[in-house]
N, C-alpha and C. Protein backbone atom coordinates (compact mmCIF):
# COMPACT_ATOMS: atom_id res chain seq x y z
N MET A 1 0.75 -1.16 -0.03
CA MET A 1 -0.01 -0.02 -0.01
C MET A 1 0.79 1.29 0.06
N ASP A 2 0.52 2.12 -0.99
CA ASP A 2 1.19 3.30 -1.02
C ASP A 2 0.35 4.48 -0.78
N PHE A 3 0.32 4.84 0.61
CA PHE A 3 -0.38 6.00 0.87
C PHE A 3 0.10 7.42 0.26
N LYS A 4 1.37 7.32 -0.14
CA LYS A 4 1.88 8.60 -0.73
C LYS A 4 1.24 8.99 -2.02
N LYS A 5 0.69 8.09 -2.74
CA LYS A 5 0.07 8.31 -3.94
C LYS A 5 -1.44 9.03 -3.98
N ILE A 6 -1.94 8.95 -2.72
CA ILE A 6 -3.30 9.35 -2.39
C ILE A 6 -3.60 10.79 -2.75
N MET A 7 -4.61 11.16 -3.80
CA MET A 7 -4.92 12.43 -4.07
C MET A 7 -6.41 12.66 -3.73
N LEU A 8 -7.09 11.70 -3.53
CA LEU A 8 -8.68 11.65 -3.04
C LEU A 8 -9.05 10.69 -2.07
N VAL A 9 -9.62 10.96 -0.93
CA VAL A 9 -10.22 10.36 -0.08
C VAL A 9 -11.68 10.25 -0.24
N VAL A 10 -12.42 9.23 -0.45
CA VAL A 10 -13.78 8.96 -0.38
C VAL A 10 -14.21 8.25 0.66
N CYS A 11 -15.13 8.77 1.36
CA CYS A 11 -15.80 7.94 2.36
C CYS A 11 -17.20 7.62 2.63
N ASP A 12 -17.72 6.84 3.17
CA ASP A 12 -19.07 6.73 3.49
C ASP A 12 -19.31 7.42 4.69
N PHE A 13 -20.56 7.61 5.03
CA PHE A 13 -20.86 8.48 6.16
C PHE A 13 -21.21 7.80 7.46
N ASP A 14 -22.43 7.08 7.38
CA ASP A 14 -22.76 6.31 8.70
C ASP A 14 -21.72 5.07 8.76
N GLY A 15 -21.30 5.09 9.91
CA GLY A 15 -20.32 4.06 10.23
C GLY A 15 -19.01 4.17 9.98
N VAL A 16 -18.73 5.33 9.41
CA VAL A 16 -17.32 5.86 9.20
C VAL A 16 -17.10 7.07 9.96
N MET A 17 -17.90 8.06 9.64
CA MET A 17 -17.89 9.58 10.11
C MET A 17 -18.69 9.43 11.53
N THR A 18 -19.56 8.41 11.64
CA THR A 18 -20.51 8.18 12.81
C THR A 18 -20.25 6.81 13.33
N ASP A 19 -20.77 6.58 14.49
CA ASP A 19 -20.63 5.24 15.00
C ASP A 19 -21.88 4.36 14.48
N ASN A 20 -22.55 4.70 13.49
CA ASN A 20 -23.43 3.91 12.92
C ASN A 20 -24.81 3.94 13.69
N LYS A 21 -24.92 4.87 14.59
CA LYS A 21 -26.13 4.95 15.56
C LYS A 21 -26.84 6.21 15.13
N VAL A 22 -28.00 6.23 15.31
CA VAL A 22 -28.93 7.38 15.11
C VAL A 22 -29.63 7.95 16.35
N ILE A 23 -29.90 9.07 16.67
CA ILE A 23 -30.87 9.40 17.77
C ILE A 23 -31.88 10.06 16.99
N MET A 24 -33.07 9.53 17.35
CA MET A 24 -34.25 10.25 16.74
C MET A 24 -35.29 10.58 17.75
N ASP A 25 -35.79 11.92 17.54
CA ASP A 25 -36.78 12.31 18.50
C ASP A 25 -38.31 11.83 18.08
N GLU A 26 -39.29 12.40 18.96
CA GLU A 26 -40.58 11.92 18.65
C GLU A 26 -41.21 12.40 17.39
N ASN A 27 -40.35 13.50 16.85
CA ASN A 27 -40.95 14.20 15.59
C ASN A 27 -40.24 13.71 14.44
N GLY A 28 -39.25 12.60 14.60
CA GLY A 28 -38.62 11.94 13.54
C GLY A 28 -37.34 12.66 12.94
N LYS A 29 -36.93 13.78 13.79
CA LYS A 29 -35.72 14.50 13.71
C LYS A 29 -34.57 13.55 14.05
N GLU A 30 -33.66 13.43 13.04
CA GLU A 30 -32.38 12.56 13.32
C GLU A 30 -31.20 13.34 13.77
N SER A 31 -30.28 12.84 14.63
CA SER A 31 -29.11 13.44 14.92
C SER A 31 -27.96 12.30 15.31
N VAL A 32 -26.80 12.77 14.75
CA VAL A 32 -25.59 11.83 14.94
C VAL A 32 -24.58 12.50 15.81
N VAL A 33 -23.47 11.76 16.12
CA VAL A 33 -22.30 12.04 16.86
C VAL A 33 -21.18 12.02 15.88
N CYS A 34 -20.40 13.04 15.60
CA CYS A 34 -19.25 12.91 14.69
C CYS A 34 -18.03 13.27 15.67
N ASN A 35 -16.88 13.07 15.10
CA ASN A 35 -15.76 13.09 15.74
C ASN A 35 -15.00 14.34 15.30
N ARG A 36 -14.74 15.30 16.16
CA ARG A 36 -14.09 16.54 15.75
C ARG A 36 -12.68 16.28 15.23
N GLY A 37 -12.07 15.11 15.65
CA GLY A 37 -10.68 14.92 15.20
C GLY A 37 -10.81 14.56 13.56
N ASP A 38 -11.79 14.09 13.12
CA ASP A 38 -11.99 13.77 11.72
C ASP A 38 -12.03 15.12 10.87
N GLY A 39 -12.51 16.10 11.51
CA GLY A 39 -12.56 17.49 10.86
C GLY A 39 -11.20 17.90 10.76
N LEU A 40 -10.42 17.77 11.63
CA LEU A 40 -9.15 18.21 11.63
C LEU A 40 -8.25 17.55 10.73
N GLY A 41 -8.41 16.32 10.64
CA GLY A 41 -7.77 15.24 9.56
C GLY A 41 -8.11 15.79 8.17
N ILE A 42 -9.55 16.11 7.97
CA ILE A 42 -9.90 16.56 6.66
C ILE A 42 -9.26 17.90 6.38
N ASP A 43 -9.30 18.76 7.16
CA ASP A 43 -8.40 20.04 7.03
C ASP A 43 -6.96 19.96 6.79
N ARG A 44 -6.29 18.96 7.32
CA ARG A 44 -4.96 18.72 6.98
C ARG A 44 -4.72 18.13 5.65
N LEU A 45 -5.74 17.21 5.20
CA LEU A 45 -5.59 16.71 3.97
C LEU A 45 -5.92 17.77 2.85
N LYS A 46 -6.97 18.62 3.06
CA LYS A 46 -7.00 19.56 2.02
C LYS A 46 -6.01 20.70 2.05
N GLU A 47 -5.37 20.78 3.04
CA GLU A 47 -4.08 21.76 3.31
C GLU A 47 -3.04 21.20 2.34
N ASN A 48 -2.93 19.93 2.11
CA ASN A 48 -2.06 19.13 1.37
C ASN A 48 -2.46 18.88 -0.08
N ASP A 49 -3.56 19.54 -0.61
CA ASP A 49 -4.13 19.31 -1.83
C ASP A 49 -4.67 18.01 -2.12
N ILE A 50 -5.24 17.39 -1.04
CA ILE A 50 -6.01 15.95 -1.15
C ILE A 50 -7.40 16.28 -0.86
N GLU A 51 -8.23 16.06 -1.93
CA GLU A 51 -9.58 16.12 -1.72
C GLU A 51 -10.22 15.15 -1.03
N VAL A 52 -11.38 15.50 -0.38
CA VAL A 52 -12.20 14.51 0.44
C VAL A 52 -13.61 14.60 0.19
N ILE A 53 -14.36 13.66 -0.25
CA ILE A 53 -15.70 13.54 -0.56
C ILE A 53 -16.29 12.45 0.18
N CYS A 54 -17.69 12.59 0.36
CA CYS A 54 -18.52 11.68 0.92
C CYS A 54 -19.44 11.06 0.05
N LEU A 55 -19.91 9.77 -0.02
CA LEU A 55 -20.85 9.08 -0.66
C LEU A 55 -21.54 8.37 0.44
N SER A 56 -22.84 8.48 0.31
CA SER A 56 -23.89 7.84 1.25
C SER A 56 -25.00 7.42 0.75
N LYS A 57 -25.28 6.22 0.99
CA LYS A 57 -26.64 5.76 0.53
C LYS A 57 -27.94 6.31 1.12
N GLU A 58 -27.70 6.89 2.54
CA GLU A 58 -28.69 7.57 3.10
C GLU A 58 -28.84 9.08 2.48
N ARG A 59 -30.13 9.62 2.57
CA ARG A 59 -30.38 10.80 2.23
C ARG A 59 -30.81 11.51 3.47
N ASN A 60 -30.05 12.26 4.18
CA ASN A 60 -30.51 12.99 5.30
C ASN A 60 -29.76 14.31 5.60
N LYS A 61 -30.33 15.26 6.05
CA LYS A 61 -30.04 16.57 6.37
C LYS A 61 -28.77 16.57 7.00
N VAL A 62 -28.54 15.63 8.07
CA VAL A 62 -27.55 15.68 8.75
C VAL A 62 -26.07 15.19 8.21
N VAL A 63 -26.31 14.41 7.26
CA VAL A 63 -25.11 14.09 6.36
C VAL A 63 -24.80 15.46 5.54
N GLU A 64 -25.59 16.10 4.96
CA GLU A 64 -25.20 17.37 4.29
C GLU A 64 -24.82 18.30 5.18
N ALA A 65 -25.42 18.55 6.34
CA ALA A 65 -24.98 19.40 7.28
C ALA A 65 -23.43 19.31 7.74
N ARG A 66 -23.04 18.09 8.17
CA ARG A 66 -21.69 17.76 8.40
C ARG A 66 -20.78 18.02 7.32
N CYS A 67 -21.13 17.55 6.23
CA CYS A 67 -20.22 17.66 4.84
C CYS A 67 -19.97 19.23 4.68
N ARG A 68 -21.04 19.99 4.78
CA ARG A 68 -20.93 21.34 4.57
C ARG A 68 -20.11 21.96 5.76
N LYS A 69 -20.24 21.72 7.02
CA LYS A 69 -19.43 22.05 8.08
C LYS A 69 -17.78 21.85 7.92
N VAL A 70 -17.45 20.67 7.34
CA VAL A 70 -16.08 20.18 7.18
C VAL A 70 -15.63 20.73 5.73
N LYS A 71 -16.71 21.16 5.05
CA LYS A 71 -16.29 21.63 3.72
C LYS A 71 -15.81 20.57 2.67
N ILE A 72 -16.54 19.54 2.66
CA ILE A 72 -16.32 18.44 1.59
C ILE A 72 -17.38 18.27 0.90
N GLY A 73 -17.19 17.68 -0.45
CA GLY A 73 -18.26 17.41 -1.28
C GLY A 73 -19.09 16.21 -0.67
N CYS A 74 -20.42 16.15 -1.18
CA CYS A 74 -21.44 15.10 -0.48
C CYS A 74 -22.29 14.78 -1.62
N CYS A 75 -22.32 13.43 -1.84
CA CYS A 75 -23.24 12.78 -2.67
C CYS A 75 -24.33 11.91 -1.76
N GLN A 76 -25.53 12.01 -1.86
CA GLN A 76 -26.48 11.34 -0.81
C GLN A 76 -27.35 10.52 -1.81
N GLY A 77 -27.98 9.61 -0.98
CA GLY A 77 -29.14 8.67 -1.68
C GLY A 77 -28.44 7.78 -3.04
N ILE A 78 -27.51 7.48 -2.63
CA ILE A 78 -26.66 6.48 -3.80
C ILE A 78 -27.04 5.13 -3.69
N ASP A 79 -27.58 4.71 -4.69
CA ASP A 79 -28.04 3.19 -4.82
C ASP A 79 -26.71 2.37 -5.31
N ASP A 80 -26.11 2.92 -6.32
CA ASP A 80 -25.02 2.21 -6.76
C ASP A 80 -23.69 2.97 -6.54
N LYS A 81 -23.15 2.70 -5.29
CA LYS A 81 -22.03 3.54 -5.15
C LYS A 81 -20.69 3.40 -5.98
N PRO A 82 -20.46 1.97 -6.37
CA PRO A 82 -19.24 1.85 -7.21
C PRO A 82 -19.39 2.68 -8.59
N GLU A 83 -20.56 2.68 -9.17
CA GLU A 83 -20.69 3.58 -10.38
C GLU A 83 -20.48 4.91 -10.28
N LEU A 84 -21.10 5.51 -9.15
CA LEU A 84 -20.91 7.08 -8.82
C LEU A 84 -19.42 7.15 -8.42
N PHE A 85 -18.91 6.20 -7.79
CA PHE A 85 -17.43 6.35 -7.15
C PHE A 85 -16.50 6.49 -8.43
N LYS A 86 -16.57 5.50 -9.47
CA LYS A 86 -16.00 5.54 -10.58
C LYS A 86 -15.95 6.97 -11.40
N LYS A 87 -17.24 7.50 -11.42
CA LYS A 87 -17.54 8.78 -12.16
C LYS A 87 -16.75 9.83 -11.48
N GLU A 88 -16.76 9.86 -10.14
CA GLU A 88 -16.14 10.88 -9.38
C GLU A 88 -14.69 10.79 -9.39
N VAL A 89 -14.16 9.81 -9.68
CA VAL A 89 -12.57 9.48 -9.78
C VAL A 89 -12.23 10.01 -11.07
N SER A 90 -13.05 9.49 -12.15
CA SER A 90 -12.78 9.94 -13.49
C SER A 90 -12.87 11.44 -13.64
N LYS A 91 -13.89 12.29 -13.17
CA LYS A 91 -14.24 13.47 -13.30
C LYS A 91 -12.98 14.50 -12.87
N ARG A 92 -12.30 13.77 -11.89
CA ARG A 92 -11.15 14.50 -11.24
C ARG A 92 -9.86 14.23 -12.11
N GLY A 93 -9.80 13.34 -13.06
CA GLY A 93 -8.73 12.97 -14.03
C GLY A 93 -7.91 12.07 -13.29
N LEU A 94 -8.07 11.33 -12.10
CA LEU A 94 -7.42 10.53 -11.27
C LEU A 94 -7.46 9.12 -11.78
N THR A 95 -6.52 8.21 -11.39
CA THR A 95 -6.66 6.85 -11.50
C THR A 95 -6.75 6.23 -10.12
N MET A 96 -7.31 4.93 -10.21
CA MET A 96 -7.79 4.42 -8.84
C MET A 96 -6.63 4.21 -7.79
N ASP A 97 -5.59 4.12 -8.35
CA ASP A 97 -4.45 3.87 -7.27
C ASP A 97 -4.06 5.23 -6.60
N GLN A 98 -4.81 6.47 -7.19
CA GLN A 98 -4.66 7.71 -6.22
C GLN A 98 -5.70 7.72 -5.30
N VAL A 99 -6.57 6.80 -5.20
CA VAL A 99 -7.80 6.99 -4.49
C VAL A 99 -7.77 6.09 -3.19
N CYS A 100 -8.19 6.66 -2.05
CA CYS A 100 -8.63 5.65 -1.00
C CYS A 100 -9.99 5.90 -0.63
N PHE A 101 -10.71 4.66 -0.54
CA PHE A 101 -12.14 4.64 -0.11
C PHE A 101 -12.13 4.11 1.21
N ILE A 102 -12.94 4.78 2.09
CA ILE A 102 -13.07 4.27 3.68
C ILE A 102 -14.76 3.91 3.75
N GLY A 103 -14.93 2.45 4.18
CA GLY A 103 -16.21 2.13 4.24
C GLY A 103 -16.44 1.10 5.48
N ASN A 104 -17.77 0.54 5.74
CA ASN A 104 -17.78 -0.21 6.88
C ASN A 104 -18.83 -1.29 6.67
N ASP A 105 -19.75 -1.07 5.57
CA ASP A 105 -20.83 -1.95 5.19
C ASP A 105 -20.81 -2.66 3.99
N VAL A 106 -21.58 -3.62 3.67
CA VAL A 106 -21.58 -4.37 2.54
C VAL A 106 -21.73 -3.61 1.24
N ASN A 107 -22.57 -2.58 1.21
CA ASN A 107 -22.76 -1.55 0.14
C ASN A 107 -21.37 -0.75 -0.12
N ASP A 108 -20.48 -0.95 0.70
CA ASP A 108 -19.19 -0.19 0.16
C ASP A 108 -18.16 -1.33 -0.35
N ILE A 109 -18.48 -2.55 -0.38
CA ILE A 109 -17.51 -3.55 -0.98
C ILE A 109 -16.98 -3.17 -2.37
N GLY A 110 -17.91 -2.75 -3.24
CA GLY A 110 -17.55 -2.54 -4.65
C GLY A 110 -16.63 -1.39 -4.63
N CYS A 111 -16.69 -0.35 -3.97
CA CYS A 111 -15.75 0.79 -3.94
C CYS A 111 -14.41 0.56 -3.33
N LEU A 112 -14.47 -0.50 -2.17
CA LEU A 112 -13.34 -0.86 -1.50
C LEU A 112 -12.47 -1.63 -2.59
N LYS A 113 -13.19 -2.52 -3.40
CA LYS A 113 -12.41 -3.35 -4.32
C LYS A 113 -11.85 -2.48 -5.53
N GLU A 114 -12.56 -1.37 -5.79
CA GLU A 114 -11.92 -0.48 -6.83
C GLU A 114 -10.85 0.41 -6.53
N ALA A 115 -10.88 0.81 -5.31
CA ALA A 115 -9.89 1.95 -4.89
C ALA A 115 -8.59 1.37 -4.85
N GLY A 116 -7.63 2.27 -4.91
CA GLY A 116 -6.25 1.91 -4.93
C GLY A 116 -5.88 1.35 -3.54
N ILE A 117 -6.43 2.00 -2.34
CA ILE A 117 -6.48 1.64 -1.07
C ILE A 117 -7.86 1.68 -0.47
N GLY A 118 -8.32 0.32 -0.19
CA GLY A 118 -9.66 0.16 0.56
C GLY A 118 -9.61 -0.11 1.91
N VAL A 119 -10.25 0.77 2.69
CA VAL A 119 -10.03 1.08 4.20
C VAL A 119 -11.35 0.41 4.86
N ALA A 120 -11.28 -0.32 5.72
CA ALA A 120 -12.38 -0.55 6.49
C ALA A 120 -12.21 -0.24 7.87
N THR A 121 -13.37 0.27 8.53
CA THR A 121 -13.35 0.53 9.94
C THR A 121 -12.91 -0.68 10.78
N ASN A 122 -12.62 -0.65 11.88
CA ASN A 122 -12.17 -1.65 12.93
C ASN A 122 -13.45 -2.37 13.11
N ASP A 123 -14.58 -1.73 13.20
CA ASP A 123 -15.80 -2.31 13.55
C ASP A 123 -16.90 -2.66 12.32
N ALA A 124 -16.20 -2.66 11.21
CA ALA A 124 -16.81 -3.10 9.91
C ALA A 124 -17.36 -4.44 9.98
N TYR A 125 -18.37 -4.72 9.11
CA TYR A 125 -18.83 -6.05 8.84
C TYR A 125 -17.71 -7.03 8.40
N PRO A 126 -17.69 -8.21 8.85
CA PRO A 126 -16.82 -9.26 8.38
C PRO A 126 -16.45 -9.39 7.02
N ASP A 127 -17.48 -9.43 6.16
CA ASP A 127 -17.35 -9.35 4.58
C ASP A 127 -16.62 -8.16 4.14
N VAL A 128 -16.77 -6.94 4.77
CA VAL A 128 -16.16 -5.81 4.47
C VAL A 128 -14.73 -5.94 4.88
N LYS A 129 -14.34 -6.33 5.91
CA LYS A 129 -12.98 -6.47 6.43
C LYS A 129 -12.20 -7.40 5.33
N LYS A 130 -12.83 -8.47 4.95
CA LYS A 130 -12.26 -9.39 3.95
C LYS A 130 -11.86 -9.05 2.71
N VAL A 131 -12.31 -7.82 2.27
CA VAL A 131 -11.94 -7.40 0.91
C VAL A 131 -10.95 -5.86 1.18
N ALA A 132 -10.90 -5.41 2.52
CA ALA A 132 -10.23 -4.13 2.70
C ALA A 132 -8.55 -4.44 2.53
N ASP A 133 -7.95 -3.39 2.00
CA ASP A 133 -6.50 -3.47 2.20
C ASP A 133 -5.96 -3.17 3.54
N PHE A 134 -6.73 -2.43 4.16
CA PHE A 134 -6.24 -1.78 5.51
C PHE A 134 -7.35 -1.84 6.48
N ILE A 135 -7.32 -2.03 7.77
CA ILE A 135 -8.27 -2.02 8.63
C ILE A 135 -7.85 -1.02 9.81
N THR A 136 -8.76 -0.09 10.06
CA THR A 136 -8.30 1.04 11.05
C THR A 136 -8.35 0.29 12.37
N LYS A 137 -7.47 0.97 13.22
CA LYS A 137 -7.55 0.74 14.69
C LYS A 137 -8.80 1.33 15.43
N THR A 138 -9.29 2.27 14.92
CA THR A 138 -10.43 2.87 15.52
C THR A 138 -11.71 2.38 14.82
N ASN A 139 -12.82 2.62 15.60
CA ASN A 139 -14.16 2.22 15.20
C ASN A 139 -14.85 3.38 14.59
N GLY A 140 -15.75 3.17 13.76
CA GLY A 140 -16.54 4.26 13.02
C GLY A 140 -17.07 5.40 14.10
N GLY A 141 -16.68 6.54 13.76
CA GLY A 141 -17.12 7.50 14.62
C GLY A 141 -16.29 8.00 15.65
N GLU A 142 -15.04 7.23 15.80
CA GLU A 142 -14.00 7.46 16.71
C GLU A 142 -12.85 7.95 16.22
N GLY A 143 -12.80 8.65 14.94
CA GLY A 143 -11.71 9.31 14.33
C GLY A 143 -10.99 8.39 13.42
N VAL A 144 -11.80 7.80 12.56
CA VAL A 144 -11.36 6.88 11.54
C VAL A 144 -10.63 7.60 10.38
N VAL A 145 -11.53 8.82 9.98
CA VAL A 145 -10.92 9.76 8.92
C VAL A 145 -9.62 10.25 9.43
N ARG A 146 -9.55 10.72 10.60
CA ARG A 146 -8.29 11.35 11.16
C ARG A 146 -7.01 10.33 11.17
N GLU A 147 -7.36 8.97 11.66
CA GLU A 147 -6.41 8.10 11.53
C GLU A 147 -5.90 7.75 10.03
N VAL A 148 -6.84 7.79 9.08
CA VAL A 148 -6.34 7.46 7.67
C VAL A 148 -5.69 8.81 7.17
N SER A 149 -6.10 9.94 7.50
CA SER A 149 -5.50 11.12 6.92
C SER A 149 -4.15 11.20 7.64
N ASP A 150 -3.75 10.80 8.93
CA ASP A 150 -2.41 10.66 9.41
C ASP A 150 -1.51 9.84 8.69
N LEU A 151 -2.04 8.60 8.18
CA LEU A 151 -1.35 7.59 7.43
C LEU A 151 -0.96 8.31 6.33
N ILE A 152 -1.91 8.98 5.49
CA ILE A 152 -1.62 9.52 4.13
C ILE A 152 -0.58 10.44 4.22
N LEU A 153 -0.63 11.39 5.31
CA LEU A 153 0.28 12.56 5.37
C LEU A 153 1.55 12.16 5.88
N LYS A 154 1.75 10.86 6.45
CA LYS A 154 2.97 10.34 6.76
C LYS A 154 3.74 9.74 5.66
N GLY A 155 2.92 9.38 4.62
CA GLY A 155 3.14 8.61 3.40
C GLY A 155 3.65 7.35 3.85
């Protein structure tokens, strides 16, 4: 694995930037907990000209709000992640060996297989871990993006 080549980090939201849990009030409003360390990791990547985007199967205002807060691109309601993933990489003129994908669930497997470096969270589902090139020490929502950003920046 050559983290030095990475120019784009693509991550799932639920289970990567969150612990895969949701808090819902009686009116159906959802909230999640995100790790501030991930935000700093994202900032550091961007300072080094490494773009970060989020692809999420979920369509939820909380995903959009967090991505807006940390100033990253956000694509929601994605049924075919691998297809959109390939389009996003191609649109940037990159090759897959320049891309890191971070996921935790079975709908991320296609992207993990395509990416130059496929990263699974420590608490990812077993089938996801089987195809990953790297498994984080941290669980989803506990600083996964920060851990990966540190690896990329260390090269």
